[in-house]
C-alpha atoms as a PDB file:
ATOM      1  CA  MET A   1     105.595 140.034  73.237  1.00  0.00           C
ATOM      2  CA  LEU A   2     103.057 138.891  75.852  1.00  0.00           C
ATOM      3  CA  TRP A   3     101.050 137.028  73.206  1.00  0.00           C
ATOM      4  CA  ALA A   4     104.222 135.401  71.839  1.00  0.00           C
ATOM      5  CA  ALA A   5     105.335 134.322  75.314  1.00  0.00           C
ATOM      6  CA  ARG A   6     101.984 132.693  76.069  1.00  0.00           C
ATOM      7  CA  ALA A   7     101.845 130.928  72.688  1.00  0.00           C
ATOM      8  CA  ALA A   8     105.418 129.654  73.023  1.00  0.00           C
ATOM      9  CA  LEU A   9     104.769 128.343  76.513  1.00  0.00           C
ATOM     10  CA  PHE A  10     101.696 126.403  75.393  1.00  0.00           C
ATOM     11  CA  ALA A  11     103.587 124.961  72.436  1.00  0.00           C
ATOM     12  CA  VAL A  12     106.751 123.901  74.234  1.00  0.00           C
ATOM     13  CA  ILE A  13     105.229 122.182  77.298  1.00  0.00           C
ATOM     14  CA  PRO A  14     103.524 119.337  75.340  1.00  0.00           C
ATOM     15  CA  MET A  15     106.651 118.935  73.189  1.00  0.00           C
ATOM     16  CA  GLU A  16     108.897 118.636  76.242  1.00  0.00           C
ATOM     17  CA  MET A  17     106.516 116.173  77.915  1.00  0.00           C
ATOM     18  CA  LEU A  18     106.469 114.008  74.762  1.00  0.00           C
ATOM     19  CA  LEU A  19     110.258 114.082  74.587  1.00  0.00           C
ATOM     20  CA  VAL A  20     110.593 113.016  78.220  1.00  0.00           C
ATOM     21  CA  VAL A  21     108.103 110.158  77.783  1.00  0.00           C
ATOM     22  CA  LEU A  22     109.954 108.911  74.704  1.00  0.00           C
ATOM     23  CA  LEU A  23     113.336 109.045  76.435  1.00  0.00           C
ATOM     24  CA  VAL A  24     112.051 107.351  79.605  1.00  0.00           C
ATOM     25  CA  SER A  25     110.391 104.685  77.462  1.00  0.00           C
ATOM     26  CA  GLY A  26     113.726 103.809  75.912  1.00  0.00           C
ATOM     27  CA  VAL A  27     112.875 105.028  72.397  1.00  0.00           C
ATOM     28  CA  PRO A  28     116.164 105.910  70.651  1.00  0.00           C
ATOM     29  CA  LEU A  29     116.182 109.488  69.392  1.00  0.00           C
ATOM     30  CA  PRO A  30     118.839 111.056  67.142  1.00  0.00           C
ATOM     31  CA  GLY A  31     121.203 113.367  68.978  1.00  0.00           C
ATOM     32  CA  PRO A  32     120.394 116.394  66.771  1.00  0.00           C
ATOM     33  CA  VAL A  33     116.681 116.033  67.584  1.00  0.00           C
ATOM     34  CA  ILE A  34     117.364 116.155  71.335  1.00  0.00           C
ATOM     35  CA  VAL A  35     119.728 119.112  70.955  1.00  0.00           C
ATOM     36  CA  ALA A  36     117.230 121.019  68.784  1.00  0.00           C
ATOM     37  CA  ALA A  37     114.410 120.368  71.248  1.00  0.00           C
ATOM     38  CA  GLU A  38     116.458 121.584  74.203  1.00  0.00           C
ATOM     39  CA  LEU A  39     117.519 124.700  72.275  1.00  0.00           C
ATOM     40  CA  VAL A  40     113.852 125.464  71.642  1.00  0.00           C
ATOM     41  CA  VAL A  41     113.065 125.007  75.340  1.00  0.00           C
ATOM     42  CA  ALA A  42     115.963 127.261  76.342  1.00  0.00           C
ATOM     43  CA  SER A  43     114.821 129.936  73.878  1.00  0.00           C
ATOM     44  CA  VAL A  44     111.278 129.822  75.283  1.00  0.00           C
ATOM     45  CA  LEU A  45     112.595 130.129  78.841  1.00  0.00           C
ATOM     46  CA  VAL A  46     114.609 133.200  77.848  1.00  0.00           C
ATOM     47  CA  LEU A  47     111.538 134.718  76.168  1.00  0.00           C
ATOM     48  CA  GLU A  48     109.428 134.055  79.277  1.00  0.00           C
ATOM     49  CA  ALA A  49     112.082 135.600  81.542  1.00  0.00           C
ATOM     50  CA  VAL A  50     112.415 138.733  79.406  1.00  0.00           C
ATOM     51  CA  THR A  51     108.642 139.154  79.151  1.00  0.00           C
ATOM     52  CA  ALA A  52     108.190 138.642  82.892  1.00  0.00           C
ATOM     53  CA  TYR A  53     110.925 141.196  83.665  1.00  0.00           C
ATOM     54  CA  ARG A  54     109.344 143.822  81.407  1.00  0.00           C
ATOM     55  CA  LEU A  55     105.911 143.265  82.923  1.00  0.00           C
ATOM     56  CA  PHE A  56     107.373 143.470  86.428  1.00  0.00           C
ATOM     57  CA  ARG A  57     109.217 146.703  85.663  1.00  0.00           C
ATOM     58  CA  ALA A  58     106.079 148.224  84.157  1.00  0.00           C
ATOM     59  CA  GLU A  59     104.112 147.402  87.309  1.00  0.00           C
ATOM     60  CA  ARG A  60     106.840 148.857  89.529  1.00  0.00           C
ATOM     61  CA  ARG A  61     106.938 152.072  87.496  1.00  0.00           C
ATOM     62  CA  GLY A  62     103.175 152.244  87.956  1.00  0.00           C
ATOM     63  CA  GLY A  63     103.645 152.427  91.720  1.00  0.00           C
ATOM     64  CA  ALA A  64     103.053 148.787  92.743  1.00  0.00           C
ATOM     65  CA  ASP A  65     105.207 147.298  95.504  1.00  0.00           C
ATOM     66  CA  ARG A  66     107.332 144.232  94.831  1.00  0.00           C
ATOM     67  CA  ARG A  67     104.750 141.671  95.938  1.00  0.00           C
ATOM     68  CA  ALA A  68     101.900 143.319  94.021  1.00  0.00           C
ATOM     69  CA  ALA A  69     104.089 143.632  90.936  1.00  0.00           C
ATOM     70  CA  LEU A  70     105.000 139.929  91.072  1.00  0.00           C
ATOM     71  CA  GLY A  71     101.321 138.985  91.423  1.00  0.00           C
ATOM     72  CA  ALA A  72     100.289 141.202  88.511  1.00  0.00           C
ATOM     73  CA  THR A  73     103.097 139.788  86.367  1.00  0.00           C
ATOM     74  CA  PHE A  74     101.979 136.239  87.087  1.00  0.00           C
ATOM     75  CA  ARG A  75      98.347 137.063  86.253  1.00  0.00           C
ATOM     76  CA  LEU A  76      99.317 138.735  82.983  1.00  0.00           C
ATOM     77  CA  LEU A  77     101.735 136.037  81.865  1.00  0.00           C
ATOM     78  CA  VAL A  78      99.702 132.971  82.843  1.00  0.00           C
ATOM     79  CA  PRO A  79      96.188 132.781  81.297  1.00  0.00           C
ATOM     80  CA  VAL A  80      93.279 132.711  83.728  1.00  0.00           C
ATOM     81  CA  GLN A  81      92.228 129.251  82.485  1.00  0.00           C
ATOM     82  CA  VAL A  82      95.609 127.781  83.458  1.00  0.00           C
ATOM     83  CA  ARG A  83      95.549 129.495  86.851  1.00  0.00           C
ATOM     84  CA  ARG A  84      92.076 128.175  87.576  1.00  0.00           C
ATOM     85  CA  LEU A  85      92.976 124.611  86.506  1.00  0.00           C
ATOM     86  CA  VAL A  86      96.006 124.623  88.811  1.00  0.00           C
ATOM     87  CA  GLY A  87      93.814 125.975  91.600  1.00  0.00           C
ATOM     88  CA  PHE A  88      91.311 123.165  91.045  1.00  0.00           C
ATOM     89  CA  GLU A  89      94.050 120.571  91.435  1.00  0.00           C
ATOM     90  CA  LEU A  90      95.416 122.104  94.635  1.00  0.00           C
ATOM     91  CA  ARG A  91      91.979 122.507  96.214  1.00  0.00           C
ATOM     92  CA  GLY A  92      91.077 118.975  95.161  1.00  0.00           C
ATOM     93  CA  LEU A  93      94.124 117.578  96.954  1.00  0.00           C
ATOM     94  CA  ALA A  94      93.273 119.661 100.023  1.00  0.00           C
ATOM     95  CA  SER A  95      89.729 118.261  99.908  1.00  0.00           C
ATOM     96  CA  ILE A  96      91.063 114.720 100.266  1.00  0.00           C
ATOM     97  CA  GLY A  97      92.818 115.772 103.475  1.00  0.00           C
ATOM     98  CA  MET A  98      89.627 117.410 104.767  1.00  0.00           C
ATOM     99  CA  TRP A  99      87.624 114.309 103.811  1.00  0.00           C
ATOM    100  CA  ILE A 100      89.971 112.079 105.803  1.00  0.00           C
ATOM    101  CA  ALA A 101      89.786 114.488 108.755  1.00  0.00           C
ATOM    102  CA  ARG A 102      85.956 114.573 108.440  1.00  0.00           C
ATOM    103  CA  ARG A 103      85.915 118.343 108.084  1.00  0.00           C
ATOM    104  CA  ARG A 104      83.868 120.606 105.809  1.00  0.00           C
ATOM    105  CA  HIS A 105      84.952 123.741 104.018  1.00  0.00           C
ATOM    106  CA  GLY A 106      83.105 127.034 104.417  1.00  0.00           C
ATOM    107  CA  VAL A 107      80.413 125.903 106.878  1.00  0.00           C
ATOM    108  CA  PRO A 108      80.521 128.359 109.809  1.00  0.00           C
ATOM    109  CA  PRO A 109      78.829 127.690 113.156  1.00  0.00           C
ATOM    110  CA  GLY A 110      75.066 128.134 112.950  1.00  0.00           C
ATOM    111  CA  ALA A 111      74.967 127.679 109.161  1.00  0.00           C
ATOM    112  CA  THR A 112      72.881 125.067 107.366  1.00  0.00           C
ATOM    113  CA  ALA A 113      74.817 122.732 105.070  1.00  0.00           C
ATOM    114  CA  ALA A 114      72.952 121.251 102.110  1.00  0.00           C
ATOM    115  CA  PRO A 115      75.010 118.320 100.751  1.00  0.00           C
ATOM    116  CA  TYR A 116      74.792 116.953  97.227  1.00  0.00           C
ATOM    117  CA  ALA A 117      77.414 114.180  97.288  1.00  0.00           C
ATOM    118  CA  ARG A 118      75.101 111.247  98.047  1.00  0.00           C
ATOM    119  CA  GLU A 119      73.359 111.281  94.657  1.00  0.00           C
ATOM    120  CA  GLN A 120      76.583 110.882  92.702  1.00  0.00           C
ATOM    121  CA  SER A 121      78.495 108.664  95.147  1.00  0.00           C
ATOM    122  CA  SER A 122      77.400 105.404  93.495  1.00  0.00           C
ATOM    123  CA  ILE A 123      78.538 106.604  90.054  1.00  0.00           C
ATOM    124  CA  LEU A 124      81.890 107.717  91.418  1.00  0.00           C
ATOM    125  CA  LEU A 125      82.360 104.362  93.153  1.00  0.00           C
ATOM    126  CA  VAL A 126      81.718 102.568  89.874  1.00  0.00           C
ATOM    127  CA  PHE A 127      84.222 104.832  88.089  1.00  0.00           C
ATOM    128  CA  LEU A 128      86.782 104.232  90.812  1.00  0.00           C
ATOM    129  CA  PHE A 129      86.362 100.448  90.670  1.00  0.00           C
ATOM    130  CA  VAL A 130      86.642 100.390  86.869  1.00  0.00           C
ATOM    131  CA  MET A 131      89.752 102.586  86.898  1.00  0.00           C
ATOM    132  CA  VAL A 132      91.483 100.442  89.541  1.00  0.00           C
ATOM    133  CA  VAL A 133      90.732  97.279  87.552  1.00  0.00           C
ATOM    134  CA  GLU A 134      91.928  98.968  84.368  1.00  0.00           C
ATOM    135  CA  THR A 135      95.155 100.125  86.015  1.00  0.00           C
ATOM    136  CA  VAL A 136      95.986  96.622  87.242  1.00  0.00           C
ATOM    137  CA  GLY A 137      94.962  95.016  83.938  1.00  0.00           C
ATOM    138  CA  ILE A 138      96.991  97.405  81.784  1.00  0.00           C
ATOM    139  CA  GLU A 139     100.054  96.975  83.977  1.00  0.00           C
ATOM    140  CA  LEU A 140      99.837  93.163  83.741  1.00  0.00           C
ATOM    141  CA  LEU A 141      99.313  93.349  79.970  1.00  0.00           C
ATOM    142  CA  LEU A 142     102.282  95.656  79.422  1.00  0.00           C
ATOM    143  CA  ARG A 143     104.481  93.384  81.540  1.00  0.00           C
ATOM    144  CA  ALA A 144     103.325  90.328  79.583  1.00  0.00           C
ATOM    145  CA  ILE A 145     104.308  91.824  76.218  1.00  0.00           C
ATOM    146  CA  ASP A 146     107.649  93.135  77.565  1.00  0.00           C
ATOM    147  CA  VAL A 147     106.917  96.832  77.116  1.00  0.00           C
ATOM    148  CA  PRO A 148     109.921  98.957  78.220  1.00  0.00           C
ATOM    149  CA  HIS A 149     109.913  99.894  81.901  1.00  0.00           C
ATOM    150  CA  GLY A 150     109.864 103.643  81.216  1.00  0.00           C
ATOM    151  CA  LEU A 151     106.723 103.419  79.093  1.00  0.00           C
ATOM    152  CA  ARG A 152     105.013 101.247  81.712  1.00  0.00           C
ATOM    153  CA  VAL A 153     105.799 103.862  84.353  1.00  0.00           C
ATOM    154  CA  ALA A 154     104.368 106.646  82.184  1.00  0.00           C
ATOM    155  CA  VAL A 155     101.139 104.699  81.621  1.00  0.00           C
ATOM    156  CA  LEU A 156     100.934 103.782  85.304  1.00  0.00           C
ATOM    157  CA  VAL A 157     101.345 107.420  86.354  1.00  0.00           C
ATOM    158  CA  ALA A 158      98.538 108.459  84.002  1.00  0.00           C
ATOM    159  CA  ASP A 159      96.249 105.713  85.347  1.00  0.00           C
ATOM    160  CA  LEU A 160      97.037 106.579  88.969  1.00  0.00           C
ATOM    161  CA  TYR A 161      96.279 110.221  88.278  1.00  0.00           C
ATOM    162  CA  GLY A 162      92.873 109.171  86.940  1.00  0.00           C
ATOM    163  CA  ILE A 163      92.167 107.351  90.206  1.00  0.00           C
ATOM    164  CA  LEU A 164      93.374 110.368  92.199  1.00  0.00           C
ATOM    165  CA  TYR A 165      91.114 112.656  90.149  1.00  0.00           C
ATOM    166  CA  VAL A 166      88.023 110.595  91.004  1.00  0.00           C
ATOM    167  CA  LEU A 167      88.997 110.673  94.680  1.00  0.00           C
ATOM    168  CA  MET A 168      89.457 114.456  94.502  1.00  0.00           C
ATOM    169  CA  LEU A 169      86.049 114.835  92.871  1.00  0.00           C
ATOM    170  CA  ALA A 170      84.353 112.727  95.546  1.00  0.00           C
ATOM    171  CA  ALA A 171      86.186 114.468  98.386  1.00  0.00           C
ATOM    172  CA  ALA A 172      85.433 117.961  97.059  1.00  0.00           C
ATOM    173  CA  SER A 173      81.736 117.152  96.690  1.00  0.00           C
ATOM    174  CA  ALA A 174      81.565 115.777 100.236  1.00  0.00           C
ATOM    175  CA  THR A 175      83.503 118.578 101.924  1.00  0.00           C
ATOM    176  CA  ARG A 176      82.069 121.581 100.031  1.00  0.00           C
ATOM    177  CA  PRO A 177      78.263 121.474 100.372  1.00  0.00           C
ATOM    178  CA  HIS A 178      75.856 124.279  99.602  1.00  0.00           C
ATOM    179  CA  VAL A 179      75.586 126.582 102.620  1.00  0.00           C
ATOM    180  CA  VAL A 180      72.848 128.848 103.986  1.00  0.00           C
ATOM    181  CA  THR A 181      73.786 131.522 106.534  1.00  0.00           C
ATOM    182  CA  SER A 182      71.913 134.545 107.839  1.00  0.00           C
ATOM    183  CA  GLU A 183      73.603 136.650 105.130  1.00  0.00           C
ATOM    184  CA  GLU A 184      73.832 134.481 102.031  1.00  0.00           C
ATOM    185  CA  LEU A 185      73.146 131.346 100.056  1.00  0.00           C
ATOM    186  CA  ARG A 186      76.309 129.696  98.814  1.00  0.00           C
ATOM    187  CA  VAL A 187      75.831 127.376  95.823  1.00  0.00           C
ATOM    188  CA  ARG A 188      78.806 125.140  95.019  1.00  0.00           C
ATOM    189  CA  SER A 189      79.937 122.298  92.816  1.00  0.00           C
ATOM    190  CA  GLY A 190      83.032 120.747  94.352  1.00  0.00           C
ATOM    191  CA  VAL A 191      86.085 122.926  93.759  1.00  0.00           C
ATOM    192  CA  TYR A 192      84.851 124.005  90.327  1.00  0.00           C
ATOM    193  CA  PHE A 193      82.086 126.445  91.174  1.00  0.00           C
ATOM    194  CA  ASP A 194      81.262 128.753  94.071  1.00  0.00           C
ATOM    195  CA  LEU A 195      78.490 131.367  93.936  1.00  0.00           C
ATOM    196  CA  ARG A 196      77.533 133.587  96.871  1.00  0.00           C
ATOM    197  CA  VAL A 197      74.026 135.051  96.706  1.00  0.00           C
ATOM    198  CA  PRO A 198      73.019 137.696  99.284  1.00  0.00           C
ATOM    199  CA  ARG A 199      69.748 136.691 100.916  1.00  0.00           C
ATOM    200  CA  GLU A 200      68.196 140.093 100.265  1.00  0.00           C
ATOM    201  CA  LEU A 201      68.319 139.357  96.518  1.00  0.00           C
ATOM    202  CA  ILE A 202      66.272 136.145  96.874  1.00  0.00           C
ATOM    203  CA  SER A 203      62.634 136.726  95.940  1.00  0.00           C
ATOM    204  CA  SER A 204      61.438 133.104  96.086  1.00  0.00           C
ATOM    205  CA  VAL A 205      62.633 129.542  96.625  1.00  0.00           C
ATOM    206  CA  ARG A 206      60.735 126.418  95.601  1.00  0.00           C
ATOM    207  CA  LEU A 207      61.122 122.719  94.955  1.00  0.00           C
ATOM    208  CA  SER A 208      61.120 121.769  91.294  1.00  0.00           C
ATOM    209  CA  ARG A 209      62.561 118.402  90.297  1.00  0.00           C
ATOM    210  CA  ASN A 210      64.143 118.068  86.879  1.00  0.00           C
ATOM    211  CA  TYR A 211      65.818 114.818  85.793  1.00  0.00           C
ATOM    212  CA  ASN A 212      66.873 115.898  82.295  1.00  0.00           C
ATOM    213  CA  GLU A 213      69.490 118.557  82.949  1.00  0.00           C
ATOM    214  CA  SER A 214      72.620 118.604  80.800  1.00  0.00           C
ATOM    215  CA  GLY A 215      76.171 119.511  81.735  1.00  0.00           C
ATOM    216  CA  MET A 216      77.388 120.435  85.211  1.00  0.00           C
ATOM    217  CA  ILE A 217      77.519 124.239  85.246  1.00  0.00           C
ATOM    218  CA  THR A 218      75.291 125.736  82.570  1.00  0.00           C
ATOM    219  CA  VAL A 219      73.955 129.205  81.831  1.00  0.00           C
ATOM    220  CA  THR A 220      71.032 129.494  79.413  1.00  0.00           C
ATOM    221  CA  GLY A 221      69.800 133.023  79.031  1.00  0.00           C
ATOM    222  CA  SER A 222      69.474 134.278  82.594  1.00  0.00           C
ATOM    223  CA  ARG A 223      69.135 130.782  84.103  1.00  0.00           C
ATOM    224  CA  LEU A 224      72.012 129.108  85.910  1.00  0.00           C
ATOM    225  CA  GLY A 225      72.050 125.344  86.362  1.00  0.00           C
ATOM    226  CA  VAL A 226      74.316 123.589  88.893  1.00  0.00           C
ATOM    227  CA  VAL A 227      73.638 119.959  88.074  1.00  0.00           C
ATOM    228  CA  VAL A 228      74.315 116.658  89.857  1.00  0.00           C
ATOM    229  CA  SER A 229      73.722 113.420  87.926  1.00  0.00           C
ATOM    230  CA  SER A 230      71.523 115.275  85.390  1.00  0.00           C
ATOM    231  CA  GLN A 231      69.275 116.522  88.210  1.00  0.00           C
ATOM    232  CA  THR A 232      68.204 119.744  89.893  1.00  0.00           C
ATOM    233  CA  ASN A 233      65.522 120.021  92.567  1.00  0.00           C
ATOM    234  CA  VAL A 234      65.646 123.594  93.936  1.00  0.00           C
ATOM    235  CA  VAL A 235      64.863 126.813  92.083  1.00  0.00           C
ATOM    236  CA  VAL A 236      65.862 130.215  93.453  1.00  0.00           C
ATOM    237  CA  GLU A 237      64.512 133.390  91.858  1.00  0.00           C
ATOM    238  CA  LEU A 238      66.379 136.679  92.341  1.00  0.00           C
ATOM    239  CA  THR A 239      65.224 140.286  92.289  1.00  0.00           C
ATOM    240  CA  GLU A 240      68.298 141.319  90.286  1.00  0.00           C
ATOM    241  CA  PRO A 241      71.021 139.469  88.417  1.00  0.00           C
ATOM    242  CA  VAL A 242      74.173 138.146  90.037  1.00  0.00           C
ATOM    243  CA  THR A 243      77.490 137.611  88.281  1.00  0.00           C
ATOM    244  CA  VAL A 244      78.296 133.957  87.679  1.00  0.00           C
ATOM    245  CA  VAL A 245      81.906 132.871  87.133  1.00  0.00           C
ATOM    246  CA  ARG A 246      82.009 129.532  85.345  1.00  0.00           C
ATOM    247  CA  PRO A 247      84.836 127.023  85.964  1.00  0.00           C
ATOM    248  CA  LEU A 248      87.240 128.385  83.322  1.00  0.00           C
ATOM    249  CA  GLY A 249      86.559 132.031  84.135  1.00  0.00           C
ATOM    250  CA  VAL A 250      83.758 132.899  81.692  1.00  0.00           C
ATOM    251  CA  ARG A 251      81.314 135.357  83.291  1.00  0.00           C
ATOM    252  CA  ALA A 252      77.554 135.557  82.878  1.00  0.00           C
ATOM    253  CA  GLU A 253      74.511 137.073  84.589  1.00  0.00           C
ATOM    254  CA  ALA A 254      71.726 135.010  86.162  1.00  0.00           C
ATOM    255  CA  THR A 255      68.404 135.791  87.839  1.00  0.00           C
ATOM    256  CA  THR A 256      67.267 132.170  88.209  1.00  0.00           C
ATOM    257  CA  ILE A 257      69.362 129.469  89.875  1.00  0.00           C
ATOM    258  CA  ARG A 258      68.532 125.783  89.598  1.00  0.00           C
ATOM    259  CA  PHE A 259      70.618 123.345  91.628  1.00  0.00           C
ATOM    260  CA  PHE A 260      70.507 119.982  93.384  1.00  0.00           C
ATOM    261  CA  THR A 261      70.808 119.029  97.041  1.00  0.00           C
ATOM    262  CA  ASP A 262      70.247 115.783  98.908  1.00  0.00           C
ATOM    263  CA  THR A 263      68.259 117.693 101.560  1.00  0.00           C
ATOM    264  CA  PRO A 264      66.011 120.172  99.708  1.00  0.00           C
ATOM    265  CA  ASP A 265      63.478 120.481 102.545  1.00  0.00           C
ATOM    266  CA  ALA A 266      66.157 121.495 105.041  1.00  0.00           C
ATOM    267  CA  LEU A 267      67.525 124.074 102.616  1.00  0.00           C
ATOM    268  CA  LEU A 268      64.073 125.581 102.020  1.00  0.00           C
ATOM    269  CA  ASN A 269      63.441 125.780 105.755  1.00  0.00           C
ATOM    270  CA  ALA A 270      66.776 127.533 106.257  1.00  0.00           C
ATOM    271  CA  LEU A 271      65.939 130.089 103.560  1.00  0.00           C
ATOM    272  CA  ARG A 272      62.503 130.934 104.936  1.00  0.00           C
ATOM    273  CA  PRO A 273      62.418 134.322 106.689  1.00  0.00           C
ATOM    274  CA  SER A 274      62.735 134.200 110.448  1.00  0.00           C
ATOM    275  CA  PRO A 275      59.759 135.550 112.446  1.00  0.00           C
ATOM    276  CA  HIS A 276      61.440 138.847 113.327  1.00  0.00           C
ATOM    277  CA  HIS A 277      62.204 139.415 109.623  1.00  0.00           C
ATOM    278  CA  SER A 278      58.661 138.714 108.506  1.00  0.00           C
ATOM    279  CA  ALA A 279      57.000 140.867 111.169  1.00  0.00           C
ATOM    280  CA  PRO A 280      55.608 144.232 109.912  1.00  0.00           C
END
């Protein structure tokens, strides 16, 4: 039943969104089609409610309190990929607020922050400019050819979300730098990746510039790459593997970490052993 509930939920959400867009756009739909679609949605909601109740009861019988049972039910019913995507959106919106307030996330007093936003800021500005121009141009075009108001609103919402996404990406990169403390190295990529490495596992750190990296978060063998604008410039070697959780929840092991920072020298200095640690 759990598999059926998940599959039904994924199938009905796009269908309902399409139906709403069509109705808002003024597209005439036969009455039986609307009734059938709403019956399907109601059936899926009943299936989700029954499945959630059974999962909740099973957790309660297992000894979990009400809050723990609700949390476990949510985790079982909603796939981890969906939960992580929703979390990315919420943290991205929070990053815009922190950006405006000129605050940084996860940088305690005495820590060294190693930013990486400067290298990609020009690209993000170009994207933002193009998307703003596109939004205005599409809106003027749709008005000129008398597209129904509902459809124009749907297109405008999609375009505005694209602009908001770029702002969230820029804000998250600026407010969530890499961090070095006396206990750990924290390697991040906006809201999408966060790896904490205990300092005692670090065997060596060196500068090594690579301008041909692919992807953003990659794991090849035992090597992790956290890439900015196809670049990495710091390599960290570990004495034992650490568990890497990629953006959509896939786990891997890594003993080498390659990542980029705008201030590699400052990061290397912060990771060098202090005199009292290096003394015999």
